[in-house]
PDB file of N, CA and C in Angstrom:
ATOM      1  N   GLN A   1     -28.911 -59.833 -37.729  1.00  0.00           N
ATOM      2  CA  GLN A   1     -30.241 -59.588 -38.242  1.00  0.00           C
ATOM      3  C   GLN A   1     -31.278 -60.470 -37.544  1.00  0.00           C
ATOM      4  N   VAL A   2     -30.917 -61.698 -37.243  1.00  0.00           N
ATOM      5  CA  VAL A   2     -31.805 -62.587 -36.512  1.00  0.00           C
ATOM      6  C   VAL A   2     -31.658 -62.308 -35.028  1.00  0.00           C
ATOM      7  N   ARG A   3     -32.777 -62.121 -34.370  1.00  0.00           N
ATOM      8  CA  ARG A   3     -32.781 -61.863 -32.943  1.00  0.00           C
ATOM      9  C   ARG A   3     -33.822 -62.721 -32.254  1.00  0.00           C
ATOM     10  N   LEU A   4     -33.447 -63.276 -31.124  1.00  0.00           N
ATOM     11  CA  LEU A   4     -34.362 -63.956 -30.223  1.00  0.00           C
ATOM     12  C   LEU A   4     -34.199 -63.298 -28.864  1.00  0.00           C
ATOM     13  N   VAL A   5     -35.217 -62.604 -28.419  1.00  0.00           N
ATOM     14  CA  VAL A   5     -35.148 -61.837 -27.188  1.00  0.00           C
ATOM     15  C   VAL A   5     -36.025 -62.500 -26.139  1.00  0.00           C
ATOM     16  N   GLU A   6     -35.388 -62.998 -25.094  1.00  0.00           N
ATOM     17  CA  GLU A   6     -36.075 -63.699 -24.024  1.00  0.00           C
ATOM     18  C   GLU A   6     -36.357 -62.767 -22.861  1.00  0.00           C
ATOM     19  N   SER A   7     -37.416 -63.069 -22.138  1.00  0.00           N
ATOM     20  CA  SER A   7     -37.757 -62.325 -20.943  1.00  0.00           C
ATOM     21  C   SER A   7     -38.607 -63.201 -20.037  1.00  0.00           C
ATOM     22  N   GLY A   8     -38.761 -62.761 -18.801  1.00  0.00           N
ATOM     23  CA  GLY A   8     -39.642 -63.437 -17.866  1.00  0.00           C
ATOM     24  C   GLY A   8     -38.957 -64.218 -16.772  1.00  0.00           C
ATOM     25  N   GLY A   9     -37.652 -64.354 -16.842  1.00  0.00           N
ATOM     26  CA  GLY A   9     -36.945 -65.065 -15.799  1.00  0.00           C
ATOM     27  C   GLY A   9     -36.908 -64.278 -14.508  1.00  0.00           C
ATOM     28  N   GLY A  10     -36.540 -64.970 -13.449  1.00  0.00           N
ATOM     29  CA  GLY A  10     -36.452 -64.318 -12.155  1.00  0.00           C
ATOM     30  C   GLY A  10     -36.454 -65.316 -11.031  1.00  0.00           C
ATOM     31  N   LEU A  11     -36.663 -64.796  -9.835  1.00  0.00           N
ATOM     32  CA  LEU A  11     -36.701 -65.602  -8.623  1.00  0.00           C
ATOM     33  C   LEU A  11     -38.142 -65.929  -8.278  1.00  0.00           C
ATOM     34  N   VAL A  12     -38.407 -67.204  -8.021  1.00  0.00           N
ATOM     35  CA  VAL A  12     -39.746 -67.644  -7.667  1.00  0.00           C
ATOM     36  C   VAL A  12     -39.649 -68.699  -6.575  1.00  0.00           C
ATOM     37  N   GLN A  13     -40.654 -68.751  -5.718  1.00  0.00           N
ATOM     38  CA  GLN A  13     -40.678 -69.731  -4.640  1.00  0.00           C
ATOM     39  C   GLN A  13     -41.050 -71.114  -5.152  1.00  0.00           C
ATOM     40  N   PRO A  14     -40.585 -72.165  -4.484  1.00  0.00           N
ATOM     41  CA  PRO A  14     -41.039 -73.509  -4.846  1.00  0.00           C
ATOM     42  C   PRO A  14     -42.557 -73.591  -4.847  1.00  0.00           C
ATOM     43  N   GLY A  15     -43.088 -74.257  -5.864  1.00  0.00           N
ATOM     44  CA  GLY A  15     -44.523 -74.337  -6.033  1.00  0.00           C
ATOM     45  C   GLY A  15     -45.123 -73.187  -6.802  1.00  0.00           C
ATOM     46  N   GLY A  16     -44.333 -72.180  -7.083  1.00  0.00           N
ATOM     47  CA  GLY A  16     -44.815 -71.014  -7.787  1.00  0.00           C
ATOM     48  C   GLY A  16     -44.842 -71.195  -9.287  1.00  0.00           C
ATOM     49  N   SER A  17     -45.197 -70.120  -9.966  1.00  0.00           N
ATOM     50  CA  SER A  17     -45.348 -70.129 -11.414  1.00  0.00           C
ATOM     51  C   SER A  17     -44.563 -68.994 -12.046  1.00  0.00           C
ATOM     52  N   LEU A  18     -44.207 -69.204 -13.291  1.00  0.00           N
ATOM     53  CA  LEU A  18     -43.470 -68.210 -14.053  1.00  0.00           C
ATOM     54  C   LEU A  18     -43.701 -68.486 -15.525  1.00  0.00           C
ATOM     55  N   THR A  19     -43.783 -67.441 -16.321  1.00  0.00           N
ATOM     56  CA  THR A  19     -43.938 -67.588 -17.759  1.00  0.00           C
ATOM     57  C   THR A  19     -42.809 -66.876 -18.479  1.00  0.00           C
ATOM     58  N   LEU A  20     -42.125 -67.606 -19.336  1.00  0.00           N
ATOM     59  CA  LEU A  20     -41.050 -67.055 -20.138  1.00  0.00           C
ATOM     60  C   LEU A  20     -41.563 -66.714 -21.529  1.00  0.00           C
ATOM     61  N   SER A  21     -40.989 -65.676 -22.112  1.00  0.00           N
ATOM     62  CA  SER A  21     -41.349 -65.251 -23.457  1.00  0.00           C
ATOM     63  C   SER A  21     -40.098 -65.119 -24.309  1.00  0.00           C
ATOM     64  N   CYS A  22     -40.258 -65.365 -25.591  1.00  0.00           N
ATOM     65  CA  CYS A  22     -39.164 -65.180 -26.539  1.00  0.00           C
ATOM     66  C   CYS A  22     -39.741 -64.623 -27.825  1.00  0.00           C
ATOM     67  N   VAL A  23     -39.299 -63.437 -28.196  1.00  0.00           N
ATOM     68  CA  VAL A  23     -39.766 -62.766 -29.396  1.00  0.00           C
ATOM     69  C   VAL A  23     -38.702 -62.887 -30.476  1.00  0.00           C
ATOM     70  N   ALA A  24     -39.100 -63.376 -31.630  1.00  0.00           N
ATOM     71  CA  ALA A  24     -38.183 -63.577 -32.740  1.00  0.00           C
ATOM     72  C   ALA A  24     -38.361 -62.496 -33.791  1.00  0.00           C
ATOM     73  N   SER A  25     -37.266 -62.153 -34.442  1.00  0.00           N
ATOM     74  CA  SER A  25     -37.302 -61.221 -35.557  1.00  0.00           C
ATOM     75  C   SER A  25     -36.214 -61.596 -36.554  1.00  0.00           C
ATOM     76  N   GLY A  26     -36.430 -61.231 -37.800  1.00  0.00           N
ATOM     77  CA  GLY A  26     -35.448 -61.504 -38.824  1.00  0.00           C
ATOM     78  C   GLY A  26     -35.383 -62.945 -39.276  1.00  0.00           C
ATOM     79  N   VAL A  27     -36.424 -63.710 -38.984  1.00  0.00           N
ATOM     80  CA  VAL A  27     -36.448 -65.121 -39.330  1.00  0.00           C
ATOM     81  C   VAL A  27     -37.891 -65.533 -39.601  1.00  0.00           C
ATOM     82  N   ASN A  28     -38.052 -66.559 -40.411  1.00  0.00           N
ATOM     83  CA  ASN A  28     -39.388 -67.082 -40.699  1.00  0.00           C
ATOM     84  C   ASN A  28     -39.885 -67.852 -39.488  1.00  0.00           C
ATOM     85  N   PHE A  29     -40.801 -67.260 -38.769  1.00  0.00           N
ATOM     86  CA  PHE A  29     -41.302 -67.837 -37.535  1.00  0.00           C
ATOM     87  C   PHE A  29     -42.399 -68.864 -37.777  1.00  0.00           C
ATOM     88  N   LEU A  30     -43.233 -68.591 -38.743  1.00  0.00           N
ATOM     89  CA  LEU A  30     -44.459 -69.356 -38.935  1.00  0.00           C
ATOM     90  C   LEU A  30     -44.208 -70.850 -39.123  1.00  0.00           C
ATOM     91  N   ASN A  31     -43.197 -71.187 -39.898  1.00  0.00           N
ATOM     92  CA  ASN A  31     -42.955 -72.577 -40.254  1.00  0.00           C
ATOM     93  C   ASN A  31     -41.825 -73.218 -39.460  1.00  0.00           C
ATOM     94  N   ALA A  32     -41.402 -72.577 -38.390  1.00  0.00           N
ATOM     95  CA  ALA A  32     -40.246 -73.039 -37.638  1.00  0.00           C
ATOM     96  C   ALA A  32     -40.634 -73.878 -36.431  1.00  0.00           C
ATOM     97  N   ASP A  33     -39.735 -74.789 -36.086  1.00  0.00           N
ATOM     98  CA  ASP A  33     -39.803 -75.457 -34.796  1.00  0.00           C
ATOM     99  C   ASP A  33     -39.277 -74.505 -33.725  1.00  0.00           C
ATOM    100  N   LEU A  34     -39.920 -74.487 -32.588  1.00  0.00           N
ATOM    101  CA  LEU A  34     -39.524 -73.628 -31.486  1.00  0.00           C
ATOM    102  C   LEU A  34     -39.292 -74.478 -30.254  1.00  0.00           C
ATOM    103  N   GLY A  35     -38.351 -74.060 -29.437  1.00  0.00           N
ATOM    104  CA  GLY A  35     -38.077 -74.841 -28.253  1.00  0.00           C
ATOM    105  C   GLY A  35     -37.542 -74.023 -27.106  1.00  0.00           C
ATOM    106  N   TRP A  36     -37.644 -74.619 -25.931  1.00  0.00           N
ATOM    107  CA  TRP A  36     -37.012 -74.105 -24.734  1.00  0.00           C
ATOM    108  C   TRP A  36     -36.060 -75.164 -24.202  1.00  0.00           C
ATOM    109  N   TYR A  37     -34.859 -74.731 -23.886  1.00  0.00           N
ATOM    110  CA  TYR A  37     -33.836 -75.567 -23.298  1.00  0.00           C
ATOM    111  C   TYR A  37     -33.355 -74.909 -22.015  1.00  0.00           C
ATOM    112  N   ARG A  38     -32.701 -75.686 -21.186  1.00  0.00           N
ATOM    113  CA  ARG A  38     -32.147 -75.113 -19.963  1.00  0.00           C
ATOM    114  C   ARG A  38     -30.776 -75.713 -19.683  1.00  0.00           C
ATOM    115  N   GLN A  39     -29.998 -74.958 -18.922  1.00  0.00           N
ATOM    116  CA  GLN A  39     -28.633 -75.363 -18.645  1.00  0.00           C
ATOM    117  C   GLN A  39     -28.218 -74.867 -17.272  1.00  0.00           C
ATOM    118  N   VAL A  40     -27.543 -75.746 -16.533  1.00  0.00           N
ATOM    119  CA  VAL A  40     -26.958 -75.387 -15.250  1.00  0.00           C
ATOM    120  C   VAL A  40     -25.445 -75.471 -15.391  1.00  0.00           C
ATOM    121  N   PRO A  41     -24.694 -74.811 -14.508  1.00  0.00           N
ATOM    122  CA  PRO A  41     -23.233 -74.831 -14.632  1.00  0.00           C
ATOM    123  C   PRO A  41     -22.672 -76.242 -14.673  1.00  0.00           C
ATOM    124  N   ASP A  42     -21.738 -76.442 -15.576  1.00  0.00           N
ATOM    125  CA  ASP A  42     -20.996 -77.688 -15.716  1.00  0.00           C
ATOM    126  C   ASP A  42     -21.843 -78.847 -16.233  1.00  0.00           C
ATOM    127  N   LYS A  43     -23.019 -78.552 -16.762  1.00  0.00           N
ATOM    128  CA  LYS A  43     -23.846 -79.577 -17.368  1.00  0.00           C
ATOM    129  C   LYS A  43     -24.266 -79.144 -18.767  1.00  0.00           C
ATOM    130  N   GLU A  44     -24.596 -80.127 -19.578  1.00  0.00           N
ATOM    131  CA  GLU A  44     -25.005 -79.842 -20.945  1.00  0.00           C
ATOM    132  C   GLU A  44     -26.411 -79.263 -20.983  1.00  0.00           C
ATOM    133  N   ARG A  45     -26.642 -78.468 -21.995  1.00  0.00           N
ATOM    134  CA  ARG A  45     -27.964 -77.916 -22.211  1.00  0.00           C
ATOM    135  C   ARG A  45     -28.940 -79.045 -22.534  1.00  0.00           C
ATOM    136  N   GLU A  46     -30.118 -79.000 -21.922  1.00  0.00           N
ATOM    137  CA  GLU A  46     -31.091 -80.056 -22.103  1.00  0.00           C
ATOM    138  C   GLU A  46     -32.416 -79.513 -22.611  1.00  0.00           C
ATOM    139  N   LEU A  47     -33.097 -80.350 -23.357  1.00  0.00           N
ATOM    140  CA  LEU A  47     -34.407 -79.997 -23.874  1.00  0.00           C
ATOM    141  C   LEU A  47     -35.424 -79.913 -22.748  1.00  0.00           C
ATOM    142  N   VAL A  48     -36.220 -78.862 -22.758  1.00  0.00           N
ATOM    143  CA  VAL A  48     -37.361 -78.732 -21.868  1.00  0.00           C
ATOM    144  C   VAL A  48     -38.652 -79.023 -22.628  1.00  0.00           C
ATOM    145  N   SER A  49     -38.824 -78.334 -23.745  1.00  0.00           N
ATOM    146  CA  SER A  49     -40.036 -78.498 -24.523  1.00  0.00           C
ATOM    147  C   SER A  49     -39.820 -77.981 -25.931  1.00  0.00           C
ATOM    148  N   ARG A  50     -40.574 -78.547 -26.873  1.00  0.00           N
ATOM    149  CA  ARG A  50     -40.587 -78.056 -28.241  1.00  0.00           C
ATOM    150  C   ARG A  50     -42.013 -77.988 -28.746  1.00  0.00           C
ATOM    151  N   ILE A  51     -42.226 -77.074 -29.684  1.00  0.00           N
ATOM    152  CA  ILE A  51     -43.510 -76.951 -30.347  1.00  0.00           C
ATOM    153  C   ILE A  51     -43.265 -76.799 -31.837  1.00  0.00           C
ATOM    154  N   TYR A  52     -44.086 -77.500 -32.618  1.00  0.00           N
ATOM    155  CA  TYR A  52     -43.891 -77.573 -34.053  1.00  0.00           C
ATOM    156  C   TYR A  52     -44.977 -76.789 -34.781  1.00  0.00           C
ATOM    157  N   PRO A  53     -44.748 -76.466 -36.045  1.00  0.00           N
ATOM    158  CA  PRO A  53     -45.802 -75.783 -36.800  1.00  0.00           C
ATOM    159  C   PRO A  53     -47.111 -76.560 -36.724  1.00  0.00           C
ATOM    160  N   GLY A  54     -48.169 -75.842 -36.474  1.00  0.00           N
ATOM    161  CA  GLY A  54     -49.466 -76.462 -36.326  1.00  0.00           C
ATOM    162  C   GLY A  54     -49.828 -76.838 -34.912  1.00  0.00           C
ATOM    163  N   GLY A  55     -48.849 -76.828 -33.996  1.00  0.00           N
ATOM    164  CA  GLY A  55     -49.152 -77.004 -32.598  1.00  0.00           C
ATOM    165  C   GLY A  55     -48.664 -78.234 -31.867  1.00  0.00           C
ATOM    166  N   PRO A  56     -48.225 -79.316 -32.533  1.00  0.00           N
ATOM    167  CA  PRO A  56     -47.758 -80.474 -31.766  1.00  0.00           C
ATOM    168  C   PRO A  56     -46.610 -80.102 -30.843  1.00  0.00           C
ATOM    169  N   THR A  57     -46.554 -80.755 -29.690  1.00  0.00           N
ATOM    170  CA  THR A  57     -45.561 -80.428 -28.678  1.00  0.00           C
ATOM    171  C   THR A  57     -44.896 -81.677 -28.135  1.00  0.00           C
ATOM    172  N   ARG A  58     -43.771 -81.481 -27.488  1.00  0.00           N
ATOM    173  CA  ARG A  58     -43.111 -82.523 -26.730  1.00  0.00           C
ATOM    174  C   ARG A  58     -42.506 -81.896 -25.491  1.00  0.00           C
ATOM    175  N   TYR A  59     -42.347 -82.708 -24.451  1.00  0.00           N
ATOM    176  CA  TYR A  59     -41.826 -82.234 -23.177  1.00  0.00           C
ATOM    177  C   TYR A  59     -40.848 -83.239 -22.604  1.00  0.00           C
ATOM    178  N   ALA A  60     -39.873 -82.724 -21.891  1.00  0.00           N
ATOM    179  CA  ALA A  60     -39.030 -83.591 -21.096  1.00  0.00           C
ATOM    180  C   ALA A  60     -39.863 -84.232 -19.995  1.00  0.00           C
ATOM    181  N   ASP A  61     -39.533 -85.465 -19.650  1.00  0.00           N
ATOM    182  CA  ASP A  61     -40.279 -86.157 -18.612  1.00  0.00           C
ATOM    183  C   ASP A  61     -40.301 -85.378 -17.300  1.00  0.00           C
ATOM    184  N   SER A  62     -39.241 -84.674 -17.019  1.00  0.00           N
ATOM    185  CA  SER A  62     -39.122 -83.971 -15.754  1.00  0.00           C
ATOM    186  C   SER A  62     -40.089 -82.802 -15.615  1.00  0.00           C
ATOM    187  N   VAL A  63     -40.654 -82.328 -16.731  1.00  0.00           N
ATOM    188  CA  VAL A  63     -41.545 -81.172 -16.666  1.00  0.00           C
ATOM    189  C   VAL A  63     -42.955 -81.483 -17.130  1.00  0.00           C
ATOM    190  N   LYS A  64     -43.212 -82.692 -17.573  1.00  0.00           N
ATOM    191  CA  LYS A  64     -44.548 -83.049 -18.045  1.00  0.00           C
ATOM    192  C   LYS A  64     -45.591 -82.819 -16.956  1.00  0.00           C
ATOM    193  N   GLY A  65     -46.682 -82.206 -17.356  1.00  0.00           N
ATOM    194  CA  GLY A  65     -47.748 -81.911 -16.421  1.00  0.00           C
ATOM    195  C   GLY A  65     -47.570 -80.622 -15.658  1.00  0.00           C
ATOM    196  N   ARG A  66     -46.405 -80.019 -15.746  1.00  0.00           N
ATOM    197  CA  ARG A  66     -46.133 -78.779 -15.035  1.00  0.00           C
ATOM    198  C   ARG A  66     -45.880 -77.599 -15.968  1.00  0.00           C
ATOM    199  N   PHE A  67     -45.269 -77.856 -17.117  1.00  0.00           N
ATOM    200  CA  PHE A  67     -44.918 -76.802 -18.063  1.00  0.00           C
ATOM    201  C   PHE A  67     -45.792 -76.907 -19.304  1.00  0.00           C
ATOM    202  N   THR A  68     -46.066 -75.772 -19.913  1.00  0.00           N
ATOM    203  CA  THR A  68     -46.798 -75.720 -21.165  1.00  0.00           C
ATOM    204  C   THR A  68     -46.099 -74.769 -22.123  1.00  0.00           C
ATOM    205  N   ILE A  69     -45.847 -75.238 -23.335  1.00  0.00           N
ATOM    206  CA  ILE A  69     -45.276 -74.392 -24.369  1.00  0.00           C
ATOM    207  C   ILE A  69     -46.384 -74.004 -25.344  1.00  0.00           C
ATOM    208  N   PHE A  70     -46.378 -72.762 -25.768  1.00  0.00           N
ATOM    209  CA  PHE A  70     -47.319 -72.344 -26.790  1.00  0.00           C
ATOM    210  C   PHE A  70     -46.715 -71.201 -27.584  1.00  0.00           C
ATOM    211  N   ARG A  71     -47.278 -70.972 -28.752  1.00  0.00           N
ATOM    212  CA  ARG A  71     -46.736 -69.979 -29.666  1.00  0.00           C
ATOM    213  C   ARG A  71     -47.831 -69.052 -30.159  1.00  0.00           C
ATOM    214  N   ASP A  72     -47.443 -67.818 -30.418  1.00  0.00           N
ATOM    215  CA  ASP A  72     -48.310 -66.815 -31.011  1.00  0.00           C
ATOM    216  C   ASP A  72     -47.627 -66.381 -32.298  1.00  0.00           C
ATOM    217  N   ASN A  73     -48.060 -66.957 -33.399  1.00  0.00           N
ATOM    218  CA  ASN A  73     -47.405 -66.677 -34.671  1.00  0.00           C
ATOM    219  C   ASN A  73     -47.559 -65.221 -35.096  1.00  0.00           C
ATOM    220  N   ALA A  74     -48.680 -64.602 -34.774  1.00  0.00           N
ATOM    221  CA  ALA A  74     -48.899 -63.209 -35.138  1.00  0.00           C
ATOM    222  C   ALA A  74     -47.895 -62.290 -34.461  1.00  0.00           C
ATOM    223  N   ARG A  75     -47.484 -62.648 -33.255  1.00  0.00           N
ATOM    224  CA  ARG A  75     -46.518 -61.856 -32.505  1.00  0.00           C
ATOM    225  C   ARG A  75     -45.109 -62.423 -32.582  1.00  0.00           C
ATOM    226  N   ALA A  76     -44.930 -63.495 -33.336  1.00  0.00           N
ATOM    227  CA  ALA A  76     -43.634 -64.166 -33.462  1.00  0.00           C
ATOM    228  C   ALA A  76     -43.025 -64.435 -32.091  1.00  0.00           C
ATOM    229  N   THR A  77     -43.843 -64.982 -31.213  1.00  0.00           N
ATOM    230  CA  THR A  77     -43.440 -65.194 -29.829  1.00  0.00           C
ATOM    231  C   THR A  77     -43.735 -66.623 -29.406  1.00  0.00           C
ATOM    232  N   VAL A  78     -42.808 -67.207 -28.677  1.00  0.00           N
ATOM    233  CA  VAL A  78     -43.018 -68.501 -28.055  1.00  0.00           C
ATOM    234  C   VAL A  78     -42.935 -68.321 -26.548  1.00  0.00           C
ATOM    235  N   TYR A  79     -43.803 -69.020 -25.842  1.00  0.00           N
ATOM    236  CA  TYR A  79     -43.906 -68.902 -24.402  1.00  0.00           C
ATOM    237  C   TYR A  79     -43.646 -70.247 -23.736  1.00  0.00           C
ATOM    238  N   LEU A  80     -43.186 -70.189 -22.525  1.00  0.00           N
ATOM    239  CA  LEU A  80     -43.098 -71.368 -21.675  1.00  0.00           C
ATOM    240  C   LEU A  80     -43.746 -71.022 -20.350  1.00  0.00           C
ATOM    241  N   GLN A  81     -44.906 -71.596 -20.108  1.00  0.00           N
ATOM    242  CA  GLN A  81     -45.627 -71.392 -18.861  1.00  0.00           C
ATOM    243  C   GLN A  81     -45.229 -72.494 -17.894  1.00  0.00           C
ATOM    244  N   MET A  82     -44.719 -72.108 -16.749  1.00  0.00           N
ATOM    245  CA  MET A  82     -44.184 -73.050 -15.780  1.00  0.00           C
ATOM    246  C   MET A  82     -44.979 -72.962 -14.489  1.00  0.00           C
ATOM    247  N   HIS A  83     -45.443 -74.103 -14.020  1.00  0.00           N
ATOM    248  CA  HIS A  83     -46.181 -74.201 -12.770  1.00  0.00           C
ATOM    249  C   HIS A  83     -45.514 -75.220 -11.855  1.00  0.00           C
ATOM    250  N   SER A  84     -45.879 -75.155 -10.587  1.00  0.00           N
ATOM    251  CA  SER A  84     -45.364 -76.092  -9.588  1.00  0.00           C
ATOM    252  C   SER A  84     -43.851 -76.199  -9.664  1.00  0.00           C
ATOM    253  N   LEU A  85     -43.202 -75.068  -9.706  1.00  0.00           N
ATOM    254  CA  LEU A  85     -41.762 -75.038  -9.896  1.00  0.00           C
ATOM    255  C   LEU A  85     -41.028 -75.655  -8.710  1.00  0.00           C
ATOM    256  N   LYS A  86     -39.952 -76.331  -9.034  1.00  0.00           N
ATOM    257  CA  LYS A  86     -39.123 -77.019  -8.060  1.00  0.00           C
ATOM    258  C   LYS A  86     -37.717 -76.439  -8.075  1.00  0.00           C
ATOM    259  N   PRO A  87     -36.979 -76.578  -6.980  1.00  0.00           N
ATOM    260  CA  PRO A  87     -35.598 -76.084  -6.984  1.00  0.00           C
ATOM    261  C   PRO A  87     -34.765 -76.663  -8.122  1.00  0.00           C
ATOM    262  N   GLU A  88     -35.020 -77.893  -8.511  1.00  0.00           N
ATOM    263  CA  GLU A  88     -34.268 -78.497  -9.597  1.00  0.00           C
ATOM    264  C   GLU A  88     -34.589 -77.906 -10.964  1.00  0.00           C
ATOM    265  N   ASP A  89     -35.601 -77.051 -11.045  1.00  0.00           N
ATOM    266  CA  ASP A  89     -35.870 -76.321 -12.274  1.00  0.00           C
ATOM    267  C   ASP A  89     -34.961 -75.105 -12.437  1.00  0.00           C
ATOM    268  N   THR A  90     -34.206 -74.783 -11.421  1.00  0.00           N
ATOM    269  CA  THR A  90     -33.293 -73.647 -11.486  1.00  0.00           C
ATOM    270  C   THR A  90     -32.272 -73.853 -12.594  1.00  0.00           C
ATOM    271  N   ALA A  91     -32.187 -72.893 -13.499  1.00  0.00           N
ATOM    272  CA  ALA A  91     -31.286 -72.991 -14.642  1.00  0.00           C
ATOM    273  C   ALA A  91     -31.379 -71.712 -15.448  1.00  0.00           C
ATOM    274  N   VAL A  92     -30.488 -71.588 -16.411  1.00  0.00           N
ATOM    275  CA  VAL A  92     -30.647 -70.590 -17.448  1.00  0.00           C
ATOM    276  C   VAL A  92     -31.477 -71.218 -18.560  1.00  0.00           C
ATOM    277  N   TYR A  93     -32.544 -70.558 -18.937  1.00  0.00           N
ATOM    278  CA  TYR A  93     -33.447 -71.061 -19.955  1.00  0.00           C
ATOM    279  C   TYR A  93     -33.201 -70.328 -21.266  1.00  0.00           C
ATOM    280  N   TYR A  94     -33.101 -71.094 -22.342  1.00  0.00           N
ATOM    281  CA  TYR A  94     -32.815 -70.560 -23.661  1.00  0.00           C
ATOM    282  C   TYR A  94     -33.939 -70.911 -24.623  1.00  0.00           C
ATOM    283  N   CYS A  95     -34.363 -69.944 -25.403  1.00  0.00           N
ATOM    284  CA  CYS A  95     -35.269 -70.272 -26.489  1.00  0.00           C
ATOM    285  C   CYS A  95     -34.465 -70.607 -27.734  1.00  0.00           C
ATOM    286  N   HIS A  96     -35.097 -71.365 -28.606  1.00  0.00           N
ATOM    287  CA  HIS A  96     -34.415 -71.892 -29.776  1.00  0.00           C
ATOM    288  C   HIS A  96     -35.387 -71.952 -30.936  1.00  0.00           C
ATOM    289  N   ILE A  97     -34.880 -71.648 -32.122  1.00  0.00           N
ATOM    290  CA  ILE A  97     -35.683 -71.749 -33.329  1.00  0.00           C
ATOM    291  C   ILE A  97     -34.918 -72.545 -34.370  1.00  0.00           C
ATOM    292  N   HIS A  98     -35.625 -73.421 -35.037  1.00  0.00           N
ATOM    293  CA  HIS A  98     -35.036 -74.272 -36.061  1.00  0.00           C
ATOM    294  C   HIS A  98     -35.997 -74.370 -37.235  1.00  0.00           C
ATOM    295  N   GLY A  99     -35.450 -74.240 -38.441  1.00  0.00           N
ATOM    296  CA  GLY A  99     -36.299 -74.352 -39.603  1.00  0.00           C
ATOM    297  C   GLY A  99     -35.502 -74.285 -40.884  1.00  0.00           C
ATOM    298  N   PHE A 100     -36.219 -73.949 -41.961  1.00  0.00           N
ATOM    299  CA  PHE A 100     -35.634 -73.876 -43.288  1.00  0.00           C
ATOM    300  C   PHE A 100     -36.104 -72.600 -43.958  1.00  0.00           C
ATOM    301  N   ASP A 101     -35.182 -71.901 -44.622  1.00  0.00           N
ATOM    302  CA  ASP A 101     -35.549 -70.675 -45.305  1.00  0.00           C
ATOM    303  C   ASP A 101     -36.189 -70.986 -46.651  1.00  0.00           C
ATOM    304  N   SER A 102     -36.460 -69.934 -47.414  1.00  0.00           N
ATOM    305  CA  SER A 102     -37.154 -70.109 -48.685  1.00  0.00           C
ATOM    306  C   SER A 102     -36.359 -70.928 -49.684  1.00  0.00           C
ATOM    307  N   GLY A 103     -35.057 -70.978 -49.526  1.00  0.00           N
ATOM    308  CA  GLY A 103     -34.210 -71.808 -50.367  1.00  0.00           C
ATOM    309  C   GLY A 103     -33.952 -73.184 -49.793  1.00  0.00           C
ATOM    310  N   HIS A 104     -34.704 -73.532 -48.764  1.00  0.00           N
ATOM    311  CA  HIS A 104     -34.603 -74.831 -48.088  1.00  0.00           C
ATOM    312  C   HIS A 104     -33.252 -75.023 -47.402  1.00  0.00           C
ATOM    313  N   ASN A 105     -32.646 -73.925 -46.992  1.00  0.00           N
ATOM    314  CA  ASN A 105     -31.427 -73.980 -46.210  1.00  0.00           C
ATOM    315  C   ASN A 105     -31.772 -74.022 -44.727  1.00  0.00           C
ATOM    316  N   GLU A 106     -31.185 -74.949 -44.028  1.00  0.00           N
ATOM    317  CA  GLU A 106     -31.488 -75.123 -42.616  1.00  0.00           C
ATOM    318  C   GLU A 106     -30.863 -74.018 -41.783  1.00  0.00           C
ATOM    319  N   TYR A 107     -31.585 -73.591 -40.766  1.00  0.00           N
ATOM    320  CA  TYR A 107     -31.060 -72.622 -39.822  1.00  0.00           C
ATOM    321  C   TYR A 107     -31.486 -73.003 -38.414  1.00  0.00           C
ATOM    322  N   ARG A 108     -30.717 -72.528 -37.441  1.00  0.00           N
ATOM    323  CA  ARG A 108     -31.089 -72.628 -36.038  1.00  0.00           C
ATOM    324  C   ARG A 108     -30.399 -71.511 -35.266  1.00  0.00           C
ATOM    325  N   TYR A 109     -31.128 -70.928 -34.333  1.00  0.00           N
ATOM    326  CA  TYR A 109     -30.627 -69.815 -33.554  1.00  0.00           C
ATOM    327  C   TYR A 109     -31.044 -69.971 -32.104  1.00  0.00           C
ATOM    328  N   TRP A 110     -30.244 -69.371 -31.231  1.00  0.00           N
ATOM    329  CA  TRP A 110     -30.475 -69.388 -29.799  1.00  0.00           C
ATOM    330  C   TRP A 110     -30.696 -67.991 -29.263  1.00  0.00           C
ATOM    331  N   GLY A 111     -31.540 -67.887 -28.249  1.00  0.00           N
ATOM    332  CA  GLY A 111     -31.646 -66.663 -27.494  1.00  0.00           C
ATOM    333  C   GLY A 111     -30.491 -66.523 -26.534  1.00  0.00           C
ATOM    334  N   GLN A 112     -30.452 -65.397 -25.841  1.00  0.00           N
ATOM    335  CA  GLN A 112     -29.326 -65.106 -24.946  1.00  0.00           C
ATOM    336  C   GLN A 112     -29.439 -65.815 -23.605  1.00  0.00           C
ATOM    337  N   GLY A 113     -30.604 -66.323 -23.281  1.00  0.00           N
ATOM    338  CA  GLY A 113     -30.825 -66.999 -22.017  1.00  0.00           C
ATOM    339  C   GLY A 113     -31.415 -66.086 -20.964  1.00  0.00           C
ATOM    340  N   THR A 114     -32.250 -66.661 -20.120  1.00  0.00           N
ATOM    341  CA  THR A 114     -32.825 -65.933 -18.999  1.00  0.00           C
ATOM    342  C   THR A 114     -32.787 -66.832 -17.767  1.00  0.00           C
ATOM    343  N   GLN A 115     -32.349 -66.272 -16.661  1.00  0.00           N
ATOM    344  CA  GLN A 115     -32.145 -67.042 -15.438  1.00  0.00           C
ATOM    345  C   GLN A 115     -33.464 -67.270 -14.717  1.00  0.00           C
ATOM    346  N   VAL A 116     -33.712 -68.518 -14.353  1.00  0.00           N
ATOM    347  CA  VAL A 116     -34.834 -68.885 -13.502  1.00  0.00           C
ATOM    348  C   VAL A 116     -34.264 -69.508 -12.235  1.00  0.00           C
ATOM    349  N   THR A 117     -34.608 -68.934 -11.103  1.00  0.00           N
ATOM    350  CA  THR A 117     -34.146 -69.441  -9.825  1.00  0.00           C
ATOM    351  C   THR A 117     -35.352 -69.769  -8.956  1.00  0.00           C
ATOM    352  N   VAL A 118     -35.439 -71.016  -8.519  1.00  0.00           N
ATOM    353  CA  VAL A 118     -36.539 -71.477  -7.683  1.00  0.00           C
ATOM    354  C   VAL A 118     -35.974 -71.721  -6.290  1.00  0.00           C
ATOM    355  N   SER A 119     -36.339 -70.870  -5.367  1.00  0.00           N
ATOM    356  CA  SER A 119     -35.771 -70.932  -4.031  1.00  0.00           C
ATOM    357  C   SER A 119     -36.652 -70.181  -3.052  1.00  0.00           C
ATOM    358  N   SER A 120     -36.605 -70.626  -1.796  1.00  0.00           N
ATOM    359  CA  SER A 120     -37.278 -69.905  -0.733  1.00  0.00           C
ATOM    360  C   SER A 120     -36.414 -68.775  -0.201  1.00  0.00           C
TER     361      SER A 120
END
């Protein structure tokens, strides 16, 4: 019933830009924490950015100044705008939602992942 559908990945040249999208359904989006994580083979998934209800954000040091996370609550969508992309940004990017339902039960869900490849 809960779905997180990611899109926007692909091949981009170093220095280029790309915007990822994740549309949520079947979950309370408005009051949830949203995030983007990335993972490369044989390494653990790492935080890229998070955005909290009301707009506060955090970023990994490696992407500060280059990536921007934002949310559209009306569309239940979270975005990751990426600029000045580097080869080391190559990874599978996953969206993530974390929050509490009406009964104050904690939940968290992951999207299926979208591949971002930065290469000439």
